[in-house]
């Protein structure tokens, strides 16, 4: 488990039939089942695949849904939440 001053970079985000997944450069993988969010649960697979990445999360503009990377990894028990929720980030 890391502390709030550690940072990890996202290198991959993908969706399957039931989940959205993210992976860090150090190999951590975390995912959320779509059923946890009504907008994602009711979306088509095409809508679920239509996301973009910001520095700290995943965004589905058509569905008006946003997920934070650090929240995904904290909920998976891989880290503690930091004060700013920005310890896990994406950089193009």
PDB file of N, CA and C in Angstrom:
ATOM      1  N   UNK A   1       0.847  -1.174   0.000  1.00  0.00           N
ATOM      2  CA  UNK A   1       0.000   0.000   0.000  1.00  0.00           C
ATOM      3  C   UNK A   1       0.888   1.231   0.000  1.00  0.00           C
ATOM      4  N   UNK A   2       0.470   2.251  -0.739  1.00  0.00           N
ATOM      5  CA  UNK A   2       1.293   3.453  -0.792  1.00  0.00           C
ATOM      6  C   UNK A   2       0.682   4.565   0.030  1.00  0.00           C
ATOM      7  N   UNK A   3       1.465   5.584   0.260  1.00  0.00           N
ATOM      8  CA  UNK A   3       1.010   6.750   1.005  1.00  0.00           C
ATOM      9  C   UNK A   3       0.741   7.891   0.045  1.00  0.00           C
ATOM     10  N   UNK A   4       0.159   8.947   0.525  1.00  0.00           N
ATOM     11  CA  UNK A   4      -0.320  10.014  -0.340  1.00  0.00           C
ATOM     12  C   UNK A   4       0.778  10.710  -1.136  1.00  0.00           C
ATOM     13  N   UNK A   5       2.049  10.599  -0.752  1.00  0.00           N
ATOM     14  CA  UNK A   5       3.088  11.270  -1.525  1.00  0.00           C
ATOM     15  C   UNK A   5       3.620  10.386  -2.655  1.00  0.00           C
ATOM     16  N   UNK A   6       3.206   9.132  -2.744  1.00  0.00           N
ATOM     17  CA  UNK A   6       3.574   8.264  -3.852  1.00  0.00           C
ATOM     18  C   UNK A   6       2.624   8.516  -5.015  1.00  0.00           C
ATOM     19  N   UNK A   7       3.135   8.373  -6.236  1.00  0.00           N
ATOM     20  CA  UNK A   7       2.293   8.536  -7.416  1.00  0.00           C
ATOM     21  C   UNK A   7       2.528   7.380  -8.371  1.00  0.00           C
ATOM     22  N   UNK A   8       1.474   6.963  -9.032  1.00  0.00           N
ATOM     23  CA  UNK A   8       1.528   5.876  -9.993  1.00  0.00           C
ATOM     24  C   UNK A   8       0.788   6.299 -11.254  1.00  0.00           C
ATOM     25  N   UNK A   9       1.344   5.960 -12.405  1.00  0.00           N
ATOM     26  CA  UNK A   9       0.787   6.390 -13.684  1.00  0.00           C
ATOM     27  C   UNK A   9      -0.032   5.267 -14.319  1.00  0.00           C
ATOM     28  N   UNK A  10      -1.174   5.640 -14.847  1.00  0.00           N
ATOM     29  CA  UNK A  10      -2.036   4.726 -15.601  1.00  0.00           C
ATOM     30  C   UNK A  10      -1.433   4.520 -16.984  1.00  0.00           C
ATOM     31  N   UNK A  11      -1.335   3.272 -17.418  1.00  0.00           N
ATOM     32  CA  UNK A  11      -0.836   3.025 -18.765  1.00  0.00           C
ATOM     33  C   UNK A  11      -1.874   2.365 -19.671  1.00  0.00           C
ATOM     34  N   UNK A  12      -3.006   1.927 -19.090  1.00  0.00           N
ATOM     35  CA  UNK A  12      -4.014   1.251 -19.904  1.00  0.00           C
ATOM     36  C   UNK A  12      -5.372   1.340 -19.224  1.00  0.00           C
ATOM     37  N   UNK A  13      -6.405   1.606 -20.013  1.00  0.00           N
ATOM     38  CA  UNK A  13      -7.799   1.574 -19.549  1.00  0.00           C
ATOM     39  C   UNK A  13      -8.608   0.853 -20.616  1.00  0.00           C
ATOM     40  N   UNK A  14      -9.491  -0.049 -20.186  1.00  0.00           N
ATOM     41  CA  UNK A  14     -10.312  -0.792 -21.140  1.00  0.00           C
ATOM     42  C   UNK A  14     -11.622  -1.199 -20.482  1.00  0.00           C
ATOM     43  N   UNK A  15     -12.569  -1.593 -21.316  1.00  0.00           N
ATOM     44  CA  UNK A  15     -13.855  -2.106 -20.841  1.00  0.00           C
ATOM     45  C   UNK A  15     -14.066  -3.491 -21.415  1.00  0.00           C
ATOM     46  N   UNK A  16     -14.774  -4.325 -20.651  1.00  0.00           N
ATOM     47  CA  UNK A  16     -15.241  -5.604 -21.170  1.00  0.00           C
ATOM     48  C   UNK A  16     -16.759  -5.584 -21.081  1.00  0.00           C
ATOM     49  N   UNK A  17     -17.390  -6.719 -21.119  1.00  0.00           N
ATOM     50  CA  UNK A  17     -18.853  -6.744 -21.101  1.00  0.00           C
ATOM     51  C   UNK A  17     -19.460  -6.293 -19.778  1.00  0.00           C
ATOM     52  N   UNK A  18     -18.705  -6.371 -18.692  1.00  0.00           N
ATOM     53  CA  UNK A  18     -19.283  -6.092 -17.384  1.00  0.00           C
ATOM     54  C   UNK A  18     -18.504  -5.095 -16.524  1.00  0.00           C
ATOM     55  N   UNK A  19     -17.287  -4.714 -16.944  1.00  0.00           N
ATOM     56  CA  UNK A  19     -16.421  -3.890 -16.094  1.00  0.00           C
ATOM     57  C   UNK A  19     -15.672  -2.823 -16.889  1.00  0.00           C
ATOM     58  N   UNK A  20     -15.208  -1.828 -16.167  1.00  0.00           N
ATOM     59  CA  UNK A  20     -14.186  -0.916 -16.663  1.00  0.00           C
ATOM     60  C   UNK A  20     -12.930  -1.217 -15.846  1.00  0.00           C
ATOM     61  N   UNK A  21     -11.782  -1.260 -16.521  1.00  0.00           N
ATOM     62  CA  UNK A  21     -10.521  -1.633 -15.896  1.00  0.00           C
ATOM     63  C   UNK A  21      -9.464  -0.565 -16.128  1.00  0.00           C
ATOM     64  N   UNK A  22      -8.523  -0.482 -15.207  1.00  0.00           N
ATOM     65  CA  UNK A  22      -7.355   0.389 -15.369  1.00  0.00           C
ATOM     66  C   UNK A  22      -6.137  -0.352 -14.845  1.00  0.00           C
ATOM     67  N   UNK A  23      -4.998  -0.075 -15.459  1.00  0.00           N
ATOM     68  CA  UNK A  23      -3.745  -0.706 -15.058  1.00  0.00           C
ATOM     69  C   UNK A  23      -2.673   0.374 -14.926  1.00  0.00           C
ATOM     70  N   UNK A  24      -1.860   0.272 -13.872  1.00  0.00           N
ATOM     71  CA  UNK A  24      -0.757   1.210 -13.674  1.00  0.00           C
ATOM     72  C   UNK A  24       0.524   0.646 -14.282  1.00  0.00           C
ATOM     73  N   UNK A  25       1.507   1.506 -14.421  1.00  0.00           N
ATOM     74  CA  UNK A  25       2.782   1.083 -15.000  1.00  0.00           C
ATOM     75  C   UNK A  25       3.495   0.060 -14.125  1.00  0.00           C
ATOM     76  N   UNK A  26       3.168  -0.001 -12.827  1.00  0.00           N
ATOM     77  CA  UNK A  26       3.788  -1.006 -11.959  1.00  0.00           C
ATOM     78  C   UNK A  26       2.981  -2.302 -11.904  1.00  0.00           C
ATOM     79  N   UNK A  27       1.945  -2.427 -12.755  1.00  0.00           N
ATOM     80  CA  UNK A  27       1.210  -3.677 -12.879  1.00  0.00           C
ATOM     81  C   UNK A  27      -0.046  -3.820 -12.045  1.00  0.00           C
ATOM     82  N   UNK A  28      -0.396  -2.812 -11.247  1.00  0.00           N
ATOM     83  CA  UNK A  28      -1.659  -2.907 -10.509  1.00  0.00           C
ATOM     84  C   UNK A  28      -2.817  -2.837 -11.491  1.00  0.00           C
ATOM     85  N   UNK A  29      -3.856  -3.658 -11.256  1.00  0.00           N
ATOM     86  CA  UNK A  29      -5.083  -3.627 -12.044  1.00  0.00           C
ATOM     87  C   UNK A  29      -6.255  -3.481 -11.092  1.00  0.00           C
ATOM     88  N   UNK A  30      -7.168  -2.604 -11.461  1.00  0.00           N
ATOM     89  CA  UNK A  30      -8.383  -2.417 -10.665  1.00  0.00           C
ATOM     90  C   UNK A  30      -9.541  -2.207 -11.623  1.00  0.00           C
ATOM     91  N   UNK A  31     -10.721  -2.615 -11.187  1.00  0.00           N
ATOM     92  CA  UNK A  31     -11.894  -2.449 -12.032  1.00  0.00           C
ATOM     93  C   UNK A  31     -13.145  -2.228 -11.216  1.00  0.00           C
ATOM     94  N   UNK A  32     -14.135  -1.718 -11.889  1.00  0.00           N
ATOM     95  CA  UNK A  32     -15.457  -1.538 -11.303  1.00  0.00           C
ATOM     96  C   UNK A  32     -16.469  -2.251 -12.192  1.00  0.00           C
ATOM     97  N   UNK A  33     -17.418  -2.954 -11.598  1.00  0.00           N
ATOM     98  CA  UNK A  33     -18.512  -3.497 -12.409  1.00  0.00           C
ATOM     99  C   UNK A  33     -19.452  -2.364 -12.820  1.00  0.00           C
ATOM    100  N   UNK A  34     -19.905  -2.404 -14.034  1.00  0.00           N
ATOM    101  CA  UNK A  34     -20.810  -1.370 -14.523  1.00  0.00           C
ATOM    102  C   UNK A  34     -22.075  -1.270 -13.680  1.00  0.00           C
ATOM    103  N   UNK A  35     -22.492  -2.378 -13.098  1.00  0.00           N
ATOM    104  CA  UNK A  35     -23.755  -2.371 -12.337  1.00  0.00           C
ATOM    105  C   UNK A  35     -23.709  -1.427 -11.134  1.00  0.00           C
ATOM    106  N   UNK A  36     -22.529  -0.962 -10.742  1.00  0.00           N
ATOM    107  CA  UNK A  36     -22.430  -0.013  -9.621  1.00  0.00           C
ATOM    108  C   UNK A  36     -22.918   1.382  -9.992  1.00  0.00           C
ATOM    109  N   UNK A  37     -23.016   1.679 -11.285  1.00  0.00           N
ATOM    110  CA  UNK A  37     -23.461   2.993 -11.739  1.00  0.00           C
ATOM    111  C   UNK A  37     -24.578   2.811 -12.743  1.00  0.00           C
ATOM    112  N   UNK A  38     -25.712   3.402 -12.452  1.00  0.00           N
ATOM    113  CA  UNK A  38     -26.905   3.239 -13.278  1.00  0.00           C
ATOM    114  C   UNK A  38     -26.638   3.622 -14.732  1.00  0.00           C
ATOM    115  N   UNK A  39     -25.968   4.756 -14.956  1.00  0.00           N
ATOM    116  CA  UNK A  39     -25.714   5.198 -16.334  1.00  0.00           C
ATOM    117  C   UNK A  39     -24.871   4.182 -17.106  1.00  0.00           C
ATOM    118  N   UNK A  40     -23.876   3.621 -16.455  1.00  0.00           N
ATOM    119  CA  UNK A  40     -23.038   2.625 -17.117  1.00  0.00           C
ATOM    120  C   UNK A  40     -23.752   1.284 -17.252  1.00  0.00           C
ATOM    121  N   UNK A  41     -24.535   0.920 -16.258  1.00  0.00           N
ATOM    122  CA  UNK A  41     -25.277  -0.347 -16.305  1.00  0.00           C
ATOM    123  C   UNK A  41     -26.283  -0.360 -17.449  1.00  0.00           C
ATOM    124  N   UNK A  42     -26.904   0.786 -17.709  1.00  0.00           N
ATOM    125  CA  UNK A  42     -27.933   0.872 -18.744  1.00  0.00           C
ATOM    126  C   UNK A  42     -27.387   1.238 -20.117  1.00  0.00           C
ATOM    127  N   UNK A  43     -26.104   1.455 -20.225  1.00  0.00           N
ATOM    128  CA  UNK A  43     -25.492   1.871 -21.494  1.00  0.00           C
ATOM    129  C   UNK A  43     -25.247   0.680 -22.406  1.00  0.00           C
ATOM    130  N   UNK A  44     -25.137   0.973 -23.685  1.00  0.00           N
ATOM    131  CA  UNK A  44     -24.737  -0.054 -24.643  1.00  0.00           C
ATOM    132  C   UNK A  44     -23.225  -0.240 -24.549  1.00  0.00           C
ATOM    133  N   UNK A  45     -22.732  -1.326 -25.105  1.00  0.00           N
ATOM    134  CA  UNK A  45     -21.290  -1.557 -25.111  1.00  0.00           C
ATOM    135  C   UNK A  45     -20.581  -0.441 -25.896  1.00  0.00           C
ATOM    136  N   UNK A  46     -21.181  -0.003 -26.962  1.00  0.00           N
ATOM    137  CA  UNK A  46     -20.598   1.099 -27.745  1.00  0.00           C
ATOM    138  C   UNK A  46     -20.482   2.371 -26.898  1.00  0.00           C
ATOM    139  N   UNK A  47     -21.518   2.699 -26.136  1.00  0.00           N
ATOM    140  CA  UNK A  47     -21.472   3.874 -25.268  1.00  0.00           C
ATOM    141  C   UNK A  47     -20.402   3.718 -24.190  1.00  0.00           C
ATOM    142  N   UNK A  48     -20.268   2.522 -23.645  1.00  0.00           N
ATOM    143  CA  UNK A  48     -19.260   2.282 -22.607  1.00  0.00           C
ATOM    144  C   UNK A  48     -17.843   2.439 -23.151  1.00  0.00           C
ATOM    145  N   UNK A  49     -17.658   2.107 -24.412  1.00  0.00           N
ATOM    146  CA  UNK A  49     -16.335   2.212 -25.018  1.00  0.00           C
ATOM    147  C   UNK A  49     -16.006   3.638 -25.460  1.00  0.00           C
ATOM    148  N   UNK A  50     -16.983   4.509 -25.425  1.00  0.00           N
ATOM    149  CA  UNK A  50     -16.807   5.896 -25.846  1.00  0.00           C
ATOM    150  C   UNK A  50     -16.437   6.761 -24.632  1.00  0.00           C
ATOM    151  N   UNK A  51     -15.213   6.565 -24.138  1.00  0.00           N
ATOM    152  CA  UNK A  51     -14.737   7.326 -22.986  1.00  0.00           C
ATOM    153  C   UNK A  51     -13.465   8.072 -23.357  1.00  0.00           C
ATOM    154  N   UNK A  52     -13.099   9.033 -22.524  1.00  0.00           N
ATOM    155  CA  UNK A  52     -11.794   9.655 -22.676  1.00  0.00           C
ATOM    156  C   UNK A  52     -11.158   9.753 -21.306  1.00  0.00           C
ATOM    157  N   UNK A  53      -9.847   9.893 -21.301  1.00  0.00           N
ATOM    158  CA  UNK A  53      -9.093   9.944 -20.062  1.00  0.00           C
ATOM    159  C   UNK A  53      -8.639  11.364 -19.790  1.00  0.00           C
ATOM    160  N   UNK A  54      -8.849  11.791 -18.569  1.00  0.00           N
ATOM    161  CA  UNK A  54      -8.265  13.051 -18.108  1.00  0.00           C
ATOM    162  C   UNK A  54      -7.090  12.680 -17.205  1.00  0.00           C
ATOM    163  N   UNK A  55      -6.468  13.619 -16.622  1.00  0.00           N
ATOM    164  CA  UNK A  55      -5.306  13.337 -15.780  1.00  0.00           C
ATOM    165  C   UNK A  55      -5.652  12.395 -14.625  1.00  0.00           C
ATOM    166  N   UNK A  56      -6.837  12.536 -14.036  1.00  0.00           N
ATOM    167  CA  UNK A  56      -7.160  11.765 -12.836  1.00  0.00           C
ATOM    168  C   UNK A  56      -8.366  10.845 -12.959  1.00  0.00           C
ATOM    169  N   UNK A  57      -8.890  10.660 -14.160  1.00  0.00           N
ATOM    170  CA  UNK A  57     -10.053   9.791 -14.242  1.00  0.00           C
ATOM    171  C   UNK A  57     -10.508   9.454 -15.640  1.00  0.00           C
ATOM    172  N   UNK A  58     -11.623   8.747 -15.675  1.00  0.00           N
ATOM    173  CA  UNK A  58     -12.257   8.279 -16.901  1.00  0.00           C
ATOM    174  C   UNK A  58     -13.583   9.019 -17.036  1.00  0.00           C
ATOM    175  N   UNK A  59     -13.879   9.490 -18.239  1.00  0.00           N
ATOM    176  CA  UNK A  59     -15.089  10.279 -18.459  1.00  0.00           C
ATOM    177  C   UNK A  59     -15.867   9.741 -19.655  1.00  0.00           C
ATOM    178  N   UNK A  60     -17.174   9.602 -19.465  1.00  0.00           N
ATOM    179  CA  UNK A  60     -18.097   9.210 -20.519  1.00  0.00           C
ATOM    180  C   UNK A  60     -19.010  10.406 -20.772  1.00  0.00           C
ATOM    181  N   UNK A  61     -18.671  11.272 -21.723  1.00  0.00           N
ATOM    182  CA  UNK A  61     -19.471  12.482 -21.927  1.00  0.00           C
ATOM    183  C   UNK A  61     -20.917  12.190 -22.310  1.00  0.00           C
ATOM    184  N   UNK A  62     -21.135  11.189 -23.143  1.00  0.00           N
ATOM    185  CA  UNK A  62     -22.496  10.856 -23.577  1.00  0.00           C
ATOM    186  C   UNK A  62     -23.351  10.359 -22.408  1.00  0.00           C
ATOM    187  N   UNK A  63     -22.716   9.723 -21.443  1.00  0.00           N
ATOM    188  CA  UNK A  63     -23.437   9.153 -20.303  1.00  0.00           C
ATOM    189  C   UNK A  63     -23.410  10.052 -19.069  1.00  0.00           C
ATOM    190  N   UNK A  64     -22.647  11.129 -19.120  1.00  0.00           N
ATOM    191  CA  UNK A  64     -22.474  12.040 -17.993  1.00  0.00           C
ATOM    192  C   UNK A  64     -22.000  11.280 -16.756  1.00  0.00           C
ATOM    193  N   UNK A  65     -20.942  10.487 -16.946  1.00  0.00           N
ATOM    194  CA  UNK A  65     -20.381   9.666 -15.857  1.00  0.00           C
ATOM    195  C   UNK A  65     -18.878   9.893 -15.784  1.00  0.00           C
ATOM    196  N   UNK A  66     -18.364   9.935 -14.558  1.00  0.00           N
ATOM    197  CA  UNK A  66     -16.939  10.132 -14.310  1.00  0.00           C
ATOM    198  C   UNK A  66     -16.492   9.201 -13.192  1.00  0.00           C
ATOM    199  N   UNK A  67     -15.319   8.576 -13.383  1.00  0.00           N
ATOM    200  CA  UNK A  67     -14.733   7.734 -12.348  1.00  0.00           C
ATOM    201  C   UNK A  67     -13.299   8.203 -12.090  1.00  0.00           C
ATOM    202  N   UNK A  68     -12.918   8.233 -10.830  1.00  0.00           N
ATOM    203  CA  UNK A  68     -11.586   8.663 -10.424  1.00  0.00           C
ATOM    204  C   UNK A  68     -10.666   7.452 -10.307  1.00  0.00           C
ATOM    205  N   UNK A  69      -9.448   7.555 -10.881  1.00  0.00           N
ATOM    206  CA  UNK A  69      -8.504   6.442 -10.821  1.00  0.00           C
ATOM    207  C   UNK A  69      -8.167   6.055  -9.382  1.00  0.00           C
ATOM    208  N   UNK A  70      -7.846   7.030  -8.572  1.00  0.00           N
ATOM    209  CA  UNK A  70      -7.450   6.699  -7.202  1.00  0.00           C
ATOM    210  C   UNK A  70      -8.575   5.991  -6.459  1.00  0.00           C
ATOM    211  N   UNK A  71      -9.809   6.398  -6.691  1.00  0.00           N
ATOM    212  CA  UNK A  71     -10.942   5.727  -6.068  1.00  0.00           C
ATOM    213  C   UNK A  71     -11.029   4.264  -6.472  1.00  0.00           C
ATOM    214  N   UNK A  72     -10.780   3.977  -7.744  1.00  0.00           N
ATOM    215  CA  UNK A  72     -10.806   2.581  -8.218  1.00  0.00           C
ATOM    216  C   UNK A  72      -9.785   1.735  -7.469  1.00  0.00           C
ATOM    217  N   UNK A  73      -8.563   2.249  -7.362  1.00  0.00           N
ATOM    218  CA  UNK A  73      -7.492   1.475  -6.742  1.00  0.00           C
ATOM    219  C   UNK A  73      -7.637   1.420  -5.227  1.00  0.00           C
ATOM    220  N   UNK A  74      -8.182   2.459  -4.616  1.00  0.00           N
ATOM    221  CA  UNK A  74      -8.441   2.431  -3.174  1.00  0.00           C
ATOM    222  C   UNK A  74      -9.544   1.420  -2.865  1.00  0.00           C
ATOM    223  N   UNK A  75     -10.606   1.417  -3.656  1.00  0.00           N
ATOM    224  CA  UNK A  75     -11.699   0.466  -3.439  1.00  0.00           C
ATOM    225  C   UNK A  75     -11.241  -0.973  -3.656  1.00  0.00           C
ATOM    226  N   UNK A  76     -10.222  -1.172  -4.483  1.00  0.00           N
ATOM    227  CA  UNK A  76      -9.667  -2.513  -4.711  1.00  0.00           C
ATOM    228  C   UNK A  76      -8.673  -2.907  -3.616  1.00  0.00           C
ATOM    229  N   UNK A  77      -8.402  -2.011  -2.663  1.00  0.00           N
ATOM    230  CA  UNK A  77      -7.489  -2.307  -1.562  1.00  0.00           C
ATOM    231  C   UNK A  77      -6.021  -2.191  -1.928  1.00  0.00           C
ATOM    232  N   UNK A  78      -5.715  -1.525  -3.040  1.00  0.00           N
ATOM    233  CA  UNK A  78      -4.329  -1.412  -3.481  1.00  0.00           C
ATOM    234  C   UNK A  78      -3.634  -0.146  -2.990  1.00  0.00           C
ATOM    235  N   UNK A  79      -4.392   0.803  -2.464  1.00  0.00           N
ATOM    236  CA  UNK A  79      -3.807   2.046  -1.974  1.00  0.00           C
ATOM    237  C   UNK A  79      -4.752   2.698  -0.979  1.00  0.00           C
ATOM    238  N   UNK A  80      -4.245   3.725  -0.325  1.00  0.00           N
ATOM    239  CA  UNK A  80      -5.074   4.568   0.535  1.00  0.00           C
ATOM    240  C   UNK A  80      -5.410   5.823  -0.250  1.00  0.00           C
ATOM    241  N   UNK A  81      -6.570   6.384   0.016  1.00  0.00           N
ATOM    242  CA  UNK A  81      -6.939   7.639  -0.638  1.00  0.00           C
ATOM    243  C   UNK A  81      -6.064   8.769  -0.096  1.00  0.00           C
ATOM    244  N   UNK A  82      -5.638   9.636  -1.007  1.00  0.00           N
ATOM    245  CA  UNK A  82      -4.878  10.809  -0.597  1.00  0.00           C
ATOM    246  C   UNK A  82      -5.842  11.976  -0.429  1.00  0.00           C
ATOM    247  N   UNK A  83      -5.351  13.056   0.147  1.00  0.00           N
ATOM    248  CA  UNK A  83      -6.209  14.220   0.348  1.00  0.00           C
ATOM    249  C   UNK A  83      -6.740  14.786  -0.959  1.00  0.00           C
ATOM    250  N   UNK A  84      -5.910  14.780  -1.989  1.00  0.00           N
ATOM    251  CA  UNK A  84      -6.321  15.357  -3.266  1.00  0.00           C
ATOM    252  C   UNK A  84      -6.817  14.339  -4.264  1.00  0.00           C
ATOM    253  N   UNK A  85      -6.820  13.057  -3.924  1.00  0.00           N
ATOM    254  CA  UNK A  85      -7.208  11.978  -4.826  1.00  0.00           C
ATOM    255  C   UNK A  85      -6.503  12.085  -6.172  1.00  0.00           C
ATOM    256  N   UNK A  86      -5.194  12.321  -6.143  1.00  0.00           N
ATOM    257  CA  UNK A  86      -4.455  12.452  -7.389  1.00  0.00           C
ATOM    258  C   UNK A  86      -3.158  11.656  -7.393  1.00  0.00           C
ATOM    259  N   UNK A  87      -3.079  10.641  -6.555  1.00  0.00           N
ATOM    260  CA  UNK A  87      -1.868   9.827  -6.492  1.00  0.00           C
ATOM    261  C   UNK A  87      -1.754   8.875  -7.680  1.00  0.00           C
ATOM    262  N   UNK A  88      -2.851   8.590  -8.339  1.00  0.00           N
ATOM    263  CA  UNK A  88      -2.835   7.747  -9.532  1.00  0.00           C
ATOM    264  C   UNK A  88      -3.330   8.608 -10.678  1.00  0.00           C
ATOM    265  N   UNK A  89      -2.529   8.712 -11.734  1.00  0.00           N
ATOM    266  CA  UNK A  89      -2.843   9.660 -12.788  1.00  0.00           C
ATOM    267  C   UNK A  89      -2.533   9.092 -14.163  1.00  0.00           C
ATOM    268  N   UNK A  90      -3.111   9.731 -15.169  1.00  0.00           N
ATOM    269  CA  UNK A  90      -2.856   9.393 -16.566  1.00  0.00           C
ATOM    270  C   UNK A  90      -2.110  10.549 -17.205  1.00  0.00           C
ATOM    271  N   UNK A  91      -1.131  10.228 -17.999  1.00  0.00           N
ATOM    272  CA  UNK A  91      -0.407  11.246 -18.755  1.00  0.00           C
ATOM    273  C   UNK A  91      -0.188  10.724 -20.160  1.00  0.00           C
ATOM    274  N   UNK A  92      -0.713  11.431 -21.131  1.00  0.00           N
ATOM    275  CA  UNK A  92      -0.596  11.011 -22.539  1.00  0.00           C
ATOM    276  C   UNK A  92       0.834  11.116 -23.032  1.00  0.00           C
TER     277      UNK A  92
END
